[in-house]
Protein backbone atom coordinates (compact mmCIF):
# COMPACT_ATOMS: atom_id res chain seq x y z
CA MET A 1 -92.12 4.88 0.35
CA LYS A 2 -88.83 5.28 2.16
CA GLY A 3 -89.43 2.31 4.46
CA GLN A 4 -88.90 -0.34 1.80
CA TRP A 5 -85.66 0.83 0.28
CA THR A 6 -84.09 1.49 3.69
CA SER A 7 -85.01 -2.04 4.79
CA LEU A 8 -83.49 -3.46 1.61
CA LEU A 9 -80.34 -1.41 2.16
CA GLY A 10 -80.11 -2.72 5.71
CA LEU A 11 -80.43 -6.25 4.40
CA ALA A 12 -77.76 -5.66 1.75
CA ASN A 13 -75.53 -4.23 4.45
CA ARG A 14 -75.95 -7.26 6.70
CA ALA A 15 -75.13 -9.44 3.70
CA ARG A 16 -71.93 -7.38 3.37
CA LYS A 17 -72.91 -6.15 -0.07
CA THR A 18 -72.56 -2.43 0.61
CA ILE A 19 -69.70 -0.04 0.99
CA SER A 20 -70.07 3.44 2.41
CA GLY A 21 -67.99 6.58 2.25
CA GLU A 22 -66.92 8.69 -0.68
CA GLU A 23 -63.39 7.32 -1.23
CA LEU A 24 -64.37 3.67 -0.91
CA ALA A 25 -67.36 4.17 -3.19
CA VAL A 26 -65.19 5.81 -5.86
CA LYS A 27 -62.78 2.88 -5.64
CA GLU A 28 -65.62 0.37 -6.15
CA ILE A 29 -67.07 2.40 -9.03
CA ARG A 30 -63.66 2.38 -10.73
CA SER A 31 -63.16 -1.34 -10.16
CA GLY A 32 -66.59 -2.08 -11.63
CA LYS A 33 -67.83 -3.71 -8.41
CA ALA A 34 -70.38 -1.00 -7.61
CA LYS A 35 -73.75 -1.88 -9.18
CA LEU A 36 -75.67 1.10 -7.83
CA VAL A 37 -74.69 4.19 -5.89
CA LEU A 38 -76.98 5.96 -3.44
CA LEU A 39 -76.11 9.61 -2.90
CA ALA A 40 -77.66 11.82 -0.23
CA LYS A 41 -79.33 14.97 -1.57
CA ASP A 42 -77.55 16.96 1.14
CA ALA A 43 -74.07 15.91 -0.01
CA SER A 44 -71.68 18.79 -0.66
CA ALA A 45 -71.64 20.13 -4.23
CA ASN A 46 -68.09 18.83 -4.55
CA THR A 47 -68.98 15.30 -3.48
CA HIS A 48 -72.15 15.34 -5.59
CA LYS A 49 -70.17 16.26 -8.71
CA LYS A 50 -67.37 13.79 -8.03
CA ILE A 51 -69.71 10.84 -7.48
CA THR A 52 -72.11 11.61 -10.34
CA ASP A 53 -69.21 12.21 -12.77
CA LYS A 54 -67.62 8.89 -11.80
CA CYS A 55 -70.94 7.06 -12.08
CA ASN A 56 -71.63 8.54 -15.50
CA TYR A 57 -68.12 7.82 -16.75
CA TYR A 58 -68.17 4.19 -15.58
CA SER A 59 -71.87 3.68 -16.45
CA VAL A 60 -72.90 2.94 -12.87
CA PRO A 61 -76.50 3.92 -12.07
CA TYR A 62 -77.02 6.24 -9.12
CA ARG A 63 -80.02 7.54 -7.24
CA LEU A 64 -80.48 10.48 -4.91
CA VAL A 65 -82.02 9.78 -1.52
CA GLU A 66 -83.52 12.17 1.06
CA ASP A 67 -80.53 12.88 3.28
CA ARG A 68 -77.36 11.55 4.90
CA TYR A 69 -79.12 10.60 8.13
CA ILE A 70 -81.63 8.27 6.48
CA LEU A 71 -78.81 6.73 4.44
CA GLY A 72 -76.62 6.21 7.51
CA LYS A 73 -79.45 4.89 9.66
CA ALA A 74 -80.39 2.33 6.99
CA ILE A 75 -76.97 0.70 7.35
CA GLY A 76 -76.85 1.15 11.11
CA LYS A 77 -74.23 3.86 11.08
CA GLU A 78 -73.93 7.59 11.62
CA ALA A 79 -74.72 9.91 8.72
CA ARG A 80 -73.48 8.62 5.37
CA VAL A 81 -73.42 10.62 2.15
CA VAL A 82 -72.55 7.81 -0.27
CA VAL A 83 -73.43 4.12 -0.16
CA ALA A 84 -72.59 1.75 -3.02
CA LEU A 85 -74.35 -1.58 -3.54
CA LEU A 86 -72.00 -4.32 -4.70
CA ASP A 87 -74.57 -6.93 -5.69
CA ASP A 88 -76.64 -7.10 -8.88
CA GLY A 89 -79.71 -8.54 -7.19
CA PHE A 90 -79.84 -5.91 -4.48
CA ALA A 91 -79.12 -3.16 -7.01
CA ARG A 92 -81.95 -4.26 -9.33
CA LYS A 93 -84.45 -4.48 -6.48
CA MET A 94 -83.31 -1.10 -5.13
CA LEU A 95 -83.80 0.52 -8.53
CA MET A 96 -87.34 -0.87 -8.66
CA LEU A 97 -88.10 0.65 -5.26
CA LEU A 98 -86.53 4.03 -5.98
CA ASP A 99 -87.81 4.61 -9.52
């Protein structure tokens, strides 16, 4: 069912409700703007730990997705390991699709 969530992510991206990249995502998690974090399963162990620890600490839900290429392609970019959704509506819908 990867088609639906990638389409939704693309839509969220066009609406400028996403941020990608580890450092930017961490910043948004800390500021409370990140509503959901998508993390590629092929992220480095270091990145995986950093992002999941931050998400758990700040009570931001996160989901693992196939790989960095699918994640990047969904937002029309090269490979991306971390994408944060900054909108409640998109985050809720995304959680429904991924759970």
